[in-house]
């Protein structure tokens, strides 16, 4: 299994089964009556579960309860939450969720925020250039080169955590945008041209589809690309993406490209909708802002949601699900059966002549199948929702109302991202300690941390499982709550709202069960 992230996950999985991977040389290194009902509903199944016969983790670290009990408890939690909303949410007032506190309303706070933003941008741009330089000129060892940890652990996992739990930090520090603007200023002084782009109108028919394609390419690189842990190849891929973004900014403008076609700006902005801080950098459309709001309030939007944006949300959710699924025994069985089925085997043999191996082509097809399945299922559920919401004699919701419900899936995406990657962040994130002293792998020890030994057993199986269950269940409960509030706001009546949520409820119960099954495989496999 190749790649830093893949190797760490392999070690973690083996450690959970109480034995380290052979050859892993780093193993030793609103305040109204009724507000309490959803939390109470969420807690009831856990209370019932505690009375069941359980046993401690033995040598194989078996689950303390059978998996079906965990799945049943999680499903019951969602159903009880939904029942509480149906019975009592009609009396609630959700206006408080729209309240914002302007943290930059005082001039002193605005000046301090400006200074902090400038410093953060400079640091991020410096680390971006340093990582690419390390990838190209440093030692070609995934463990000894800064870029592998920076891209897969810090940039993707760490930044996503910050954006989801605090606010869209990427909106402030985006080094690709910072370097573009710096280059535009230098070019302007040399040529006397003040324009930073051609400001061509962005084709409306493109929507967010460029971001969809680019994010799928990123997911493919993370999960399938054989050279994802080769520093020079990874540096070239990051540089190529930066050049592509700069070309888009040059043609259509910085914010026009970032708001629709930049995969990472869209991904981190989507996660930031869940966060309590609403962050916006200074732009031609307005000054910088930093607002405090309740968690999840950013998911409630009155604007239309194009299908391309809905597909992007579903793509993020499906690819992280595939990341967990492709390490399960079922995935191994699917690959084995596909490669022994003659029509598939012959097609893979022909495709293997294009540069990718048979296994890579097969996993690519399965990776593509996941988002297609998610989109198809959501489309069916959306039509069902619209039909049920319109049964009370009203005109029923429009397509924009149905696609807007996709924001209710963001808490699930956040929860699954946290559950799936937090152990990776705590283990592989330790590589930053020695790499800070020796980013190129040349034997430096700038800060005296070069001899730090990475401990891949820092996350115990008990913590891994209970934290994963808690995160997944909480994420789905929040999704049920957001979906119901959004339905109340868009579908006009309490009856239409709860009827419309029946298909979404079935979908969330099914996805909760699938998520827990995937998370359990390293333990019960």
Protein backbone atom coordinates (compact mmCIF):
# COMPACT_ATOMS: atom_id res chain seq x y z
CA UNK A 1 0.00 0.00 0.00
CA UNK A 2 1.62 3.22 -1.15
CA UNK A 3 1.39 6.80 -0.02
CA UNK A 4 1.87 8.38 3.38
CA UNK A 5 -1.84 8.49 4.15
CA UNK A 6 -2.36 4.95 2.92
CA UNK A 7 0.55 3.59 4.96
CA UNK A 8 -0.64 5.34 8.12
CA UNK A 9 -4.16 4.00 7.62
CA UNK A 10 -2.72 0.55 7.08
CA UNK A 11 -0.74 0.77 10.31
CA UNK A 12 -3.75 2.09 12.20
CA UNK A 13 -5.96 -0.67 10.89
CA UNK A 14 -3.43 -3.31 11.87
CA UNK A 15 -2.87 -1.71 15.25
CA UNK A 16 -6.58 -1.82 15.88
CA UNK A 17 -6.32 -5.54 15.28
CA UNK A 18 -3.43 -5.53 17.82
CA UNK A 19 -0.57 -6.12 15.43
CA UNK A 20 1.55 -3.66 13.48
CA UNK A 21 2.06 -3.86 9.75
CA UNK A 22 5.20 -5.87 8.97
CA UNK A 23 7.90 -3.62 7.66
CA UNK A 24 6.36 -0.42 9.01
CA UNK A 25 9.62 1.15 10.14
CA UNK A 26 7.92 4.05 11.94
CA UNK A 27 5.82 1.91 14.27
CA UNK A 28 8.07 2.71 17.22
CA UNK A 29 8.01 6.45 16.42
CA UNK A 30 -34.13 29.06 20.94
CA UNK A 31 -35.12 29.23 24.68
CA UNK A 32 -38.68 27.87 24.53
CA UNK A 33 -40.39 24.86 26.00
CA UNK A 34 -39.45 21.78 24.00
CA UNK A 35 -35.88 22.75 23.08
CA UNK A 36 -34.58 19.73 24.98
CA UNK A 37 -36.52 17.14 22.96
CA UNK A 38 -34.05 16.48 20.10
CA UNK A 39 -31.07 16.09 22.50
CA UNK A 40 -33.19 13.79 24.68
CA UNK A 41 -34.22 11.80 21.61
CA UNK A 42 -30.57 11.53 20.61
CA UNK A 43 -29.60 10.24 24.05
CA UNK A 44 -32.34 7.63 24.49
CA UNK A 45 -30.92 4.89 22.24
CA UNK A 46 -27.54 5.25 23.93
CA UNK A 47 -29.20 4.79 27.29
CA UNK A 48 -30.93 1.65 26.10
CA UNK A 49 -27.73 0.32 24.58
CA UNK A 50 -25.84 0.60 27.84
CA UNK A 51 -28.02 -2.07 29.39
CA UNK A 52 -27.05 -4.68 26.85
CA UNK A 53 -24.49 -7.33 27.49
CA UNK A 54 -21.10 -5.96 26.53
CA UNK A 55 -17.53 -7.05 26.87
CA UNK A 56 -14.26 -5.23 26.84
CA UNK A 57 -11.83 -5.06 24.01
CA UNK A 58 -9.89 -8.28 23.85
CA UNK A 59 -6.80 -9.12 21.86
CA UNK A 60 -8.65 -8.55 18.58
CA UNK A 61 -10.42 -5.44 19.93
CA UNK A 62 -13.87 -6.68 19.03
CA UNK A 63 -16.69 -4.17 19.28
CA UNK A 64 -18.09 -3.94 22.82
CA UNK A 65 -21.53 -4.55 21.29
CA UNK A 66 -22.57 -6.32 18.07
CA UNK A 67 -22.49 -4.02 15.09
CA UNK A 68 -26.22 -4.41 14.46
CA UNK A 69 -26.92 -2.87 17.88
CA UNK A 70 -24.83 0.18 17.03
CA UNK A 71 -26.58 0.55 13.68
CA UNK A 72 -30.01 0.07 15.27
CA UNK A 73 -29.25 2.62 17.99
CA UNK A 74 -28.04 5.18 15.47
CA UNK A 75 -31.11 4.67 13.27
CA UNK A 76 -33.40 4.96 16.31
CA UNK A 77 -31.68 8.21 17.26
CA UNK A 78 -32.47 9.70 13.87
CA UNK A 79 -36.06 8.47 13.90
CA UNK A 80 -36.69 9.84 17.40
CA UNK A 81 -35.16 13.17 16.42
CA UNK A 82 -37.40 13.33 13.38
CA UNK A 83 -40.46 12.39 15.46
CA UNK A 84 -39.67 15.16 17.96
CA UNK A 85 -39.38 17.67 15.12
CA UNK A 86 -42.68 16.54 13.58
CA UNK A 87 -44.50 16.81 16.91
CA UNK A 88 -43.01 20.01 18.29
CA UNK A 89 -41.04 21.94 15.67
CA UNK A 90 -44.18 23.66 14.42
CA UNK A 91 -44.10 25.72 17.60
CA UNK A 92 -40.49 26.75 17.25
CA UNK A 93 -39.22 30.05 15.99
CA UNK A 94 -36.01 29.74 14.03
CA UNK A 95 -35.48 33.44 13.43
CA UNK A 96 -32.59 33.48 15.88
CA UNK A 97 -30.56 31.32 13.52
CA UNK A 98 -30.32 34.26 11.14
CA UNK A 99 -28.73 36.54 13.73
CA UNK A 100 -25.15 37.63 13.15
CA UNK A 101 -22.65 39.42 15.37
CA UNK A 102 -20.19 41.61 13.48
CA UNK A 103 -16.80 40.95 15.09
CA UNK A 104 -15.16 43.67 12.98
CA UNK A 105 -17.56 46.49 13.80
CA UNK A 106 -14.92 48.36 15.81
CA UNK A 107 -12.08 50.05 13.89
CA UNK A 108 -9.44 48.52 16.18
CA UNK A 109 -10.71 45.01 15.55
CA UNK A 110 -10.78 45.64 11.81
CA UNK A 111 -7.18 46.89 11.81
CA UNK A 112 -6.00 43.91 13.89
CA UNK A 113 -7.80 41.50 11.60
CA UNK A 114 -6.18 43.12 8.57
CA UNK A 115 -2.70 42.71 10.04
CA UNK A 116 -3.42 39.10 11.00
CA UNK A 117 -4.72 38.36 7.51
CA UNK A 118 -1.61 39.84 5.88
CA UNK A 119 0.67 37.76 8.11
CA UNK A 120 -1.31 34.57 7.52
CA UNK A 121 -1.29 35.09 3.76
CA UNK A 122 2.46 35.65 3.73
CA UNK A 123 3.06 32.51 5.80
CA UNK A 124 0.71 30.42 3.64
CA UNK A 125 2.29 31.65 0.41
CA UNK A 126 5.77 30.94 1.79
CA UNK A 127 4.80 27.42 2.84
CA UNK A 128 3.22 26.82 -0.56
CA UNK A 129 6.42 27.77 -2.39
CA UNK A 130 8.59 25.91 0.12
CA UNK A 131 6.53 22.73 -0.31
CA UNK A 132 6.82 22.82 -4.10
CA UNK A 133 10.55 23.50 -3.88
CA UNK A 134 10.96 20.60 -1.45
CA UNK A 135 9.02 18.34 -3.79
CA UNK A 136 11.17 19.20 -6.79
CA UNK A 137 14.59 19.51 -5.19
CA UNK A 138 14.36 17.58 -1.93
CA UNK A 139 14.91 13.94 -1.15
CA UNK A 140 12.41 11.75 -2.97
CA UNK A 141 11.13 10.02 0.15
CA UNK A 142 7.51 10.45 1.25
CA UNK A 143 8.53 10.42 4.92
CA UNK A 144 11.41 12.85 4.54
CA UNK A 145 9.89 15.43 2.17
CA UNK A 146 7.62 18.24 3.35
CA UNK A 147 5.23 18.32 0.41
CA UNK A 148 3.59 14.92 1.02
CA UNK A 149 2.54 15.80 4.56
CA UNK A 150 1.63 19.37 3.63
CA UNK A 151 -0.69 18.35 0.78
CA UNK A 152 -2.45 15.29 2.16
CA UNK A 153 -2.43 16.05 5.89
CA UNK A 154 -2.18 19.80 6.45
CA UNK A 155 -3.84 21.16 3.32
CA UNK A 156 -6.66 18.72 2.81
CA UNK A 157 -7.35 17.17 6.24
CA UNK A 158 -6.23 19.97 8.57
CA UNK A 159 -7.62 22.88 6.57
CA UNK A 160 -10.94 21.08 6.16
CA UNK A 161 -11.16 20.59 9.93
CA UNK A 162 -10.51 24.30 10.57
CA UNK A 163 -13.00 25.43 7.92
CA UNK A 164 -15.74 23.14 9.25
CA UNK A 165 -15.25 23.76 12.96
CA UNK A 166 -14.17 27.42 13.03
CA UNK A 167 -14.60 29.20 9.69
CA UNK A 168 -13.45 29.33 6.09
CA UNK A 169 -9.79 30.07 6.77
CA UNK A 170 -8.95 29.21 3.16
CA UNK A 171 -10.88 32.31 2.11
CA UNK A 172 -8.27 34.36 3.97
CA UNK A 173 -5.01 32.49 3.34
CA UNK A 174 -5.46 30.97 -0.14
CA UNK A 175 -1.80 31.10 -1.33
CA UNK A 176 -2.69 30.61 -5.00
CA UNK A 177 -4.78 33.79 -4.97
CA UNK A 178 -2.14 35.62 -2.90
CA UNK A 179 0.63 34.77 -5.36
CA UNK A 180 -1.55 35.73 -8.33
CA UNK A 181 -2.34 39.14 -6.89
CA UNK A 182 1.30 39.70 -5.97
CA UNK A 183 2.35 38.79 -9.50
CA UNK A 184 -0.33 41.06 -10.96
CA UNK A 185 0.91 44.00 -8.87
CA UNK A 186 4.51 43.45 -9.94
CA UNK A 187 3.48 43.13 -13.59
CA UNK A 188 1.36 46.26 -13.31
CA UNK A 189 4.26 48.31 -11.99
CA UNK A 190 6.55 47.06 -14.74
CA UNK A 191 4.09 47.54 -17.60
CA UNK A 192 1.83 50.29 -16.30
CA UNK A 193 -1.24 48.09 -16.81
CA UNK A 194 -3.50 48.27 -13.77
CA UNK A 195 -5.93 45.55 -14.79
CA UNK A 196 -5.41 42.21 -13.04
CA UNK A 197 -7.46 40.16 -15.52
CA UNK A 198 -9.29 40.30 -18.84
CA UNK A 199 -12.61 40.17 -16.91
CA UNK A 200 -14.32 38.02 -19.52
CA UNK A 201 -17.88 37.06 -18.58
CA UNK A 202 -17.94 33.64 -16.98
CA UNK A 203 -20.16 31.33 -19.08
CA UNK A 204 -23.29 30.73 -17.02
CA UNK A 205 -23.86 27.34 -18.62
CA UNK A 206 -20.59 26.14 -17.07
CA UNK A 207 -21.89 26.71 -13.56
CA UNK A 208 -19.76 24.84 -11.03
CA UNK A 209 -19.01 21.95 -13.41
CA UNK A 210 -15.28 22.87 -13.73
CA UNK A 211 -14.99 22.56 -9.94
CA UNK A 212 -16.79 19.20 -10.09
CA UNK A 213 -14.32 17.87 -12.66
CA UNK A 214 -11.29 19.24 -10.81
CA UNK A 215 -12.40 17.87 -7.45
CA UNK A 216 -12.98 14.45 -8.95
CA UNK A 217 -9.43 14.64 -10.31
CA UNK A 218 -8.17 15.48 -6.82
CA UNK A 219 -10.09 12.56 -5.30
CA UNK A 220 -8.66 10.26 -7.97
CA UNK A 221 -5.15 11.45 -7.17
CA UNK A 222 -5.67 10.93 -3.43
CA UNK A 223 -7.16 7.46 -3.69
CA UNK A 224 -5.79 5.88 -6.87
CA UNK A 225 -2.81 7.75 -8.31
CA UNK A 226 0.28 5.59 -7.88
CA UNK A 227 2.64 8.60 -7.64
CA UNK A 228 0.72 10.52 -4.99
CA UNK A 229 3.55 9.94 -2.52
CA UNK A 230 6.38 10.75 -4.98
CA UNK A 231 7.44 14.29 -3.99
CA UNK A 232 8.47 15.51 -7.46
CA UNK A 233 5.28 14.20 -9.09
CA UNK A 234 3.10 15.64 -6.35
CA UNK A 235 4.85 19.02 -6.61
CA UNK A 236 4.30 19.06 -10.36
CA UNK A 237 0.61 18.26 -9.91
CA UNK A 238 0.16 21.07 -7.36
CA UNK A 239 2.04 23.51 -9.59
CA UNK A 240 -0.08 22.49 -12.59
CA UNK A 241 -3.26 23.11 -10.59
CA UNK A 242 -1.96 26.53 -9.55
CA UNK A 243 -1.20 27.44 -13.17
CA UNK A 244 -4.69 26.35 -14.18
CA UNK A 245 -6.24 28.51 -11.45
CA UNK A 246 -4.08 31.49 -12.44
CA UNK A 247 -5.20 31.09 -16.05
CA UNK A 248 -8.84 31.10 -14.97
CA UNK A 249 -8.28 34.16 -12.79
CA UNK A 250 -6.55 35.94 -15.66
CA UNK A 251 -9.44 35.26 -18.02
CA UNK A 252 -12.48 35.71 -15.79
CA UNK A 253 -11.27 37.54 -12.69
CA UNK A 254 -10.12 36.30 -9.31
CA UNK A 255 -13.45 36.08 -7.51
CA UNK A 256 -15.42 34.93 -10.55
CA UNK A 257 -13.14 31.91 -10.93
CA UNK A 258 -12.86 31.12 -7.22
CA UNK A 259 -16.62 31.28 -6.64
CA UNK A 260 -17.50 28.77 -9.37
CA UNK A 261 -14.55 26.87 -10.78
CA UNK A 262 -11.88 26.58 -8.05
CA UNK A 263 -12.48 23.15 -6.53
CA UNK A 264 -10.77 23.86 -3.20
CA UNK A 265 -12.25 27.32 -2.71
CA UNK A 266 -15.68 25.73 -3.24
CA UNK A 267 -14.96 22.74 -0.99
CA UNK A 268 -13.69 24.80 1.93
CA UNK A 269 -16.48 27.36 1.46
CA UNK A 270 -19.02 24.55 1.59
CA UNK A 271 -17.55 23.20 4.83
CA UNK A 272 -17.35 26.76 6.17
CA UNK A 273 -21.12 27.10 5.83
CA UNK A 274 -21.40 24.80 8.83
CA UNK A 275 -18.91 26.79 10.93
CA UNK A 276 -19.77 29.50 13.50
CA UNK A 277 -17.61 32.14 11.81
CA UNK A 278 -18.67 33.61 8.48
CA UNK A 279 -15.47 34.79 6.82
CA UNK A 280 -15.14 36.97 3.74
CA UNK A 281 -12.00 38.63 2.46
CA UNK A 282 -11.89 42.11 0.98
CA UNK A 283 -13.16 41.97 -2.61
CA UNK A 284 -14.55 44.38 -5.20
CA UNK A 285 -18.03 43.38 -4.03
CA UNK A 286 -17.43 44.60 -0.48
CA UNK A 287 -15.06 44.87 2.51
CA UNK A 288 -13.85 42.01 4.64
CA UNK A 289 -16.23 40.64 7.23
CA UNK A 290 -16.09 38.29 10.18
CA UNK A 291 -19.49 37.42 11.63
CA UNK A 292 -20.35 35.11 14.51
CA UNK A 293 -23.42 32.91 14.01
CA UNK A 294 -24.85 29.62 15.32
CA UNK A 295 -23.40 26.39 13.99
CA UNK A 296 -25.15 25.38 10.78
CA UNK A 297 -26.83 28.76 10.24
CA UNK A 298 -24.83 29.26 7.05
CA UNK A 299 -26.57 26.25 5.53
CA UNK A 300 -29.90 28.11 5.46
CA UNK A 301 -29.96 30.11 2.25
CA UNK A 302 -32.77 31.72 0.30
CA UNK A 303 -30.86 31.72 -2.96
CA UNK A 304 -31.21 29.09 -5.69
CA UNK A 305 -28.85 26.14 -5.75
CA UNK A 306 -27.83 25.06 -9.27
CA UNK A 307 -27.59 21.37 -9.98
CA UNK A 308 -23.84 21.72 -10.54
CA UNK A 309 -23.42 22.94 -6.94
CA UNK A 310 -25.63 20.14 -5.64
CA UNK A 311 -23.54 17.62 -7.57
CA UNK A 312 -20.38 19.12 -6.06
CA UNK A 313 -21.72 18.59 -2.52
CA UNK A 314 -22.70 15.02 -3.37
CA UNK A 315 -19.30 14.45 -4.97
CA UNK A 316 -17.51 15.47 -1.77
CA UNK A 317 -19.72 13.17 0.27
CA UNK A 318 -19.39 10.22 -2.09
CA UNK A 319 -15.60 10.39 -2.50
CA UNK A 320 -14.91 10.40 1.23
CA UNK A 321 -17.33 7.46 1.51
CA UNK A 322 -15.41 5.64 -1.21
CA UNK A 323 -12.19 6.40 0.67
CA UNK A 324 -13.50 4.33 3.57
CA UNK A 325 -15.22 1.71 1.45
CA UNK A 326 -12.24 0.90 -0.74
CA UNK A 327 -10.36 -0.43 2.31
CA UNK A 328 -13.09 -2.93 3.26
CA UNK A 329 -13.11 -6.67 2.55
CA UNK A 330 -16.16 -6.16 0.34
CA UNK A 331 -14.11 -3.92 -1.94
CA UNK A 332 -11.46 -6.60 -2.19
CA UNK A 333 -14.14 -9.14 -3.10
CA UNK A 334 -15.57 -6.83 -5.77
CA UNK A 335 -12.13 -6.30 -7.29
CA UNK A 336 -11.43 -10.03 -7.29
CA UNK A 337 -14.73 -10.94 -8.93
CA UNK A 338 -14.45 -8.14 -11.50
CA UNK A 339 -10.96 -9.20 -12.54
CA UNK A 340 -12.04 -12.84 -12.88
CA UNK A 341 -15.10 -12.00 -14.99
CA UNK A 342 -13.90 -12.41 -18.55
CA UNK A 343 -15.55 -9.34 -20.22
CA UNK A 344 -14.24 -7.03 -17.49
CA UNK A 345 -10.84 -8.70 -17.42
CA UNK A 346 -10.44 -8.30 -21.19
CA UNK A 347 -11.47 -4.62 -21.03
CA UNK A 348 -9.02 -3.98 -18.18
CA UNK A 349 -6.26 -5.70 -20.11
CA UNK A 350 -6.83 -3.42 -23.09
CA UNK A 351 -7.00 -0.30 -20.89
CA UNK A 352 -3.82 -1.25 -19.06
CA UNK A 353 -1.89 -0.40 -22.20
CA UNK A 354 -2.67 3.31 -21.66
CA UNK A 355 -0.31 3.68 -18.70
CA UNK A 356 -2.57 2.79 -15.79
CA UNK A 357 -2.66 -0.69 -14.34
CA UNK A 358 -5.71 -2.94 -14.38
CA UNK A 359 -6.36 -2.33 -10.69
CA UNK A 360 -6.14 1.44 -11.16
CA UNK A 361 -8.65 1.36 -14.00
CA UNK A 362 -11.02 -0.78 -11.98
CA UNK A 363 -10.82 1.50 -8.93
CA UNK A 364 -11.28 4.52 -11.20
CA UNK A 365 -14.51 3.05 -12.53
CA UNK A 366 -15.73 2.28 -9.02
CA UNK A 367 -14.76 5.78 -7.86
CA UNK A 368 -16.81 7.25 -10.70
CA UNK A 369 -19.71 4.96 -9.87
CA UNK A 370 -20.02 6.30 -6.30
CA UNK A 371 -20.86 9.95 -7.14
CA UNK A 372 -23.10 8.83 -10.00
CA UNK A 373 -25.02 6.63 -7.58
CA UNK A 374 -25.24 9.41 -4.99
CA UNK A 375 -26.55 11.89 -7.57
CA UNK A 376 -29.08 9.40 -8.95
CA UNK A 377 -30.35 8.52 -5.47
CA UNK A 378 -30.61 12.18 -4.48
CA UNK A 379 -32.49 12.99 -7.70
CA UNK A 380 -35.04 10.22 -6.95
CA UNK A 381 -35.36 11.36 -3.33
CA UNK A 382 -35.75 14.97 -4.48
CA UNK A 383 -38.62 14.11 -6.82
CA UNK A 384 -40.25 12.11 -4.06
CA UNK A 385 -39.84 15.04 -1.65
CA UNK A 386 -41.40 17.46 -4.13
CA UNK A 387 -44.35 15.15 -4.72
CA UNK A 388 -45.04 14.65 -1.01
CA UNK A 389 -44.66 18.36 -0.23
CA UNK A 390 -47.21 19.26 -2.90
CA UNK A 391 -49.95 16.89 -1.71
CA UNK A 392 -51.60 19.51 0.52
CA UNK A 393 -52.99 21.38 -2.48
CA UNK A 394 -50.19 23.91 -2.87
CA UNK A 395 -48.16 24.31 -6.01
CA UNK A 396 -45.38 22.34 -4.41
CA UNK A 397 -41.68 23.15 -4.32
CA UNK A 398 -39.70 24.03 -7.39
CA UNK A 399 -36.45 22.47 -8.50
CA UNK A 400 -34.40 25.12 -6.69
CA UNK A 401 -36.18 24.28 -3.43
CA UNK A 402 -35.32 20.60 -3.84
CA UNK A 403 -31.68 21.19 -4.77
CA UNK A 404 -31.35 23.61 -1.84
CA UNK A 405 -32.01 20.66 0.47
CA UNK A 406 -28.56 19.40 -0.47
CA UNK A 407 -27.14 21.82 2.12
CA UNK A 408 -28.66 19.61 4.80
CA UNK A 409 -26.13 16.94 3.80
CA UNK A 410 -23.20 19.17 4.69
CA UNK A 411 -23.28 18.25 8.43
CA UNK A 412 -22.98 14.63 7.32
CA UNK A 413 -20.03 15.50 5.10
CA UNK A 414 -18.41 17.35 8.01
CA UNK A 415 -19.05 14.52 10.44
CA UNK A 416 -17.81 11.81 8.11
CA UNK A 417 -14.73 13.85 7.21
CA UNK A 418 -13.92 14.27 10.91
CA UNK A 419 -14.62 10.63 11.74
CA UNK A 420 -12.69 9.31 8.78
CA UNK A 421 -9.62 11.53 9.03
CA UNK A 422 -9.13 12.59 12.65
CA UNK A 423 -6.97 9.55 13.44
CA UNK A 424 -4.91 10.25 10.32
CA UNK A 425 -4.43 13.87 11.40
CA UNK A 426 -3.29 12.84 14.89
CA UNK A 427 -0.86 10.22 13.61
CA UNK A 428 0.52 11.43 10.28
CA UNK A 429 0.36 15.02 11.48
CA UNK A 430 3.29 14.18 13.75
CA UNK A 431 5.53 14.06 10.69
CA UNK A 432 5.44 17.87 10.71
CA UNK A 433 7.63 17.90 13.82
CA UNK A 434 10.78 16.42 12.20
CA UNK A 435 9.94 17.96 8.80
CA UNK A 436 9.93 21.45 10.32
CA UNK A 437 13.65 21.02 10.94
CA UNK A 438 14.40 19.23 7.69
CA UNK A 439 11.78 20.02 4.97
CA UNK A 440 14.01 18.85 2.09
CA UNK A 441 15.23 15.65 3.73
CA UNK A 442 18.84 16.76 3.52
CA UNK A 443 19.75 15.92 7.09
CA UNK A 444 19.15 19.38 8.57
CA UNK A 445 18.07 19.91 12.16
CA UNK A 446 17.13 23.60 12.16
CA UNK A 447 14.91 23.57 15.25
CA UNK A 448 16.25 20.49 17.04
CA UNK A 449 13.23 18.31 16.17
CA UNK A 450 14.85 16.16 13.52
CA UNK A 451 15.06 13.13 15.80
CA UNK A 452 11.39 13.09 16.76
CA UNK A 453 9.91 9.58 16.60
CA UNK A 454 6.42 9.33 15.16
CA UNK A 455 3.97 7.28 17.24
CA UNK A 456 1.38 5.66 15.01
CA UNK A 457 -0.43 4.10 17.98
CA UNK A 458 -1.46 7.42 19.53
CA UNK A 459 -5.14 6.73 18.75
CA UNK A 460 -6.49 3.76 20.68
CA UNK A 461 -9.15 1.50 19.15
CA UNK A 462 -11.61 2.53 21.87
CA UNK A 463 -11.21 6.22 21.14
CA UNK A 464 -11.30 5.54 17.41
CA UNK A 465 -14.60 3.70 17.52
CA UNK A 466 -16.53 5.77 20.07
CA UNK A 467 -15.43 9.07 18.53
CA UNK A 468 -16.39 7.85 15.07
CA UNK A 469 -19.83 6.70 16.22
CA UNK A 470 -20.47 9.95 18.09
CA UNK A 471 -19.39 12.11 15.15
CA UNK A 472 -21.45 10.21 12.59
CA UNK A 473 -24.61 10.12 14.70
CA UNK A 474 -24.33 13.80 15.71
CA UNK A 475 -23.71 14.78 12.09
CA UNK A 476 -26.81 12.95 10.91
CA UNK A 477 -28.94 14.38 13.73
CA UNK A 478 -27.84 17.89 12.76
CA UNK A 479 -28.60 17.06 9.13
CA UNK A 480 -32.14 16.01 10.09
CA UNK A 481 -32.58 19.29 11.99
CA UNK A 482 -31.21 21.44 9.15
CA UNK A 483 -33.33 19.61 6.57
CA UNK A 484 -36.49 20.13 8.60
CA UNK A 485 -35.82 23.84 9.16
CA UNK A 486 -35.07 24.32 5.47
CA UNK A 487 -38.26 22.45 4.55
CA UNK A 488 -40.29 24.67 6.88
CA UNK A 489 -38.79 27.76 5.29
CA UNK A 490 -39.27 26.64 1.69
CA UNK A 491 -42.32 24.40 1.56
CA UNK A 492 -44.78 26.76 3.23
CA UNK A 493 -46.44 24.63 5.91
CA UNK A 494 -45.49 22.30 8.72
CA UNK A 495 -47.42 19.44 7.14
CA UNK A 496 -45.73 19.83 3.77
CA UNK A 497 -42.35 20.12 5.50
CA UNK A 498 -42.53 16.90 7.49
CA UNK A 499 -44.06 14.99 4.60
CA UNK A 500 -41.26 16.10 2.33
CA UNK A 501 -38.71 14.83 4.83
CA UNK A 502 -39.89 11.22 4.84
CA UNK A 503 -37.72 10.25 1.83
CA UNK A 504 -34.78 12.24 3.21
CA UNK A 505 -35.21 10.48 6.53
CA UNK A 506 -35.05 7.08 4.87
CA UNK A 507 -31.95 8.19 2.98
CA UNK A 508 -30.21 9.40 6.12
CA UNK A 509 -30.96 6.23 8.05
CA UNK A 510 -29.55 4.15 5.21
CA UNK A 511 -26.45 6.33 4.95
CA UNK A 512 -25.88 6.25 8.72
CA UNK A 513 -25.95 2.46 8.63
CA UNK A 514 -23.53 2.36 5.70
CA UNK A 515 -21.17 4.82 7.43
CA UNK A 516 -21.04 2.83 10.66
CA UNK A 517 -20.48 -0.40 8.74
CA UNK A 518 -17.55 1.17 6.88
CA UNK A 519 -16.03 2.62 10.05
CA UNK A 520 -16.33 -0.74 11.82
CA UNK A 521 -14.42 -2.76 9.22
CA UNK A 522 -10.92 -2.15 10.67
CA UNK A 523 -12.23 -3.51 13.99
CA UNK A 524 -14.58 -6.32 13.09
CA UNK A 525 -12.84 -7.38 9.86
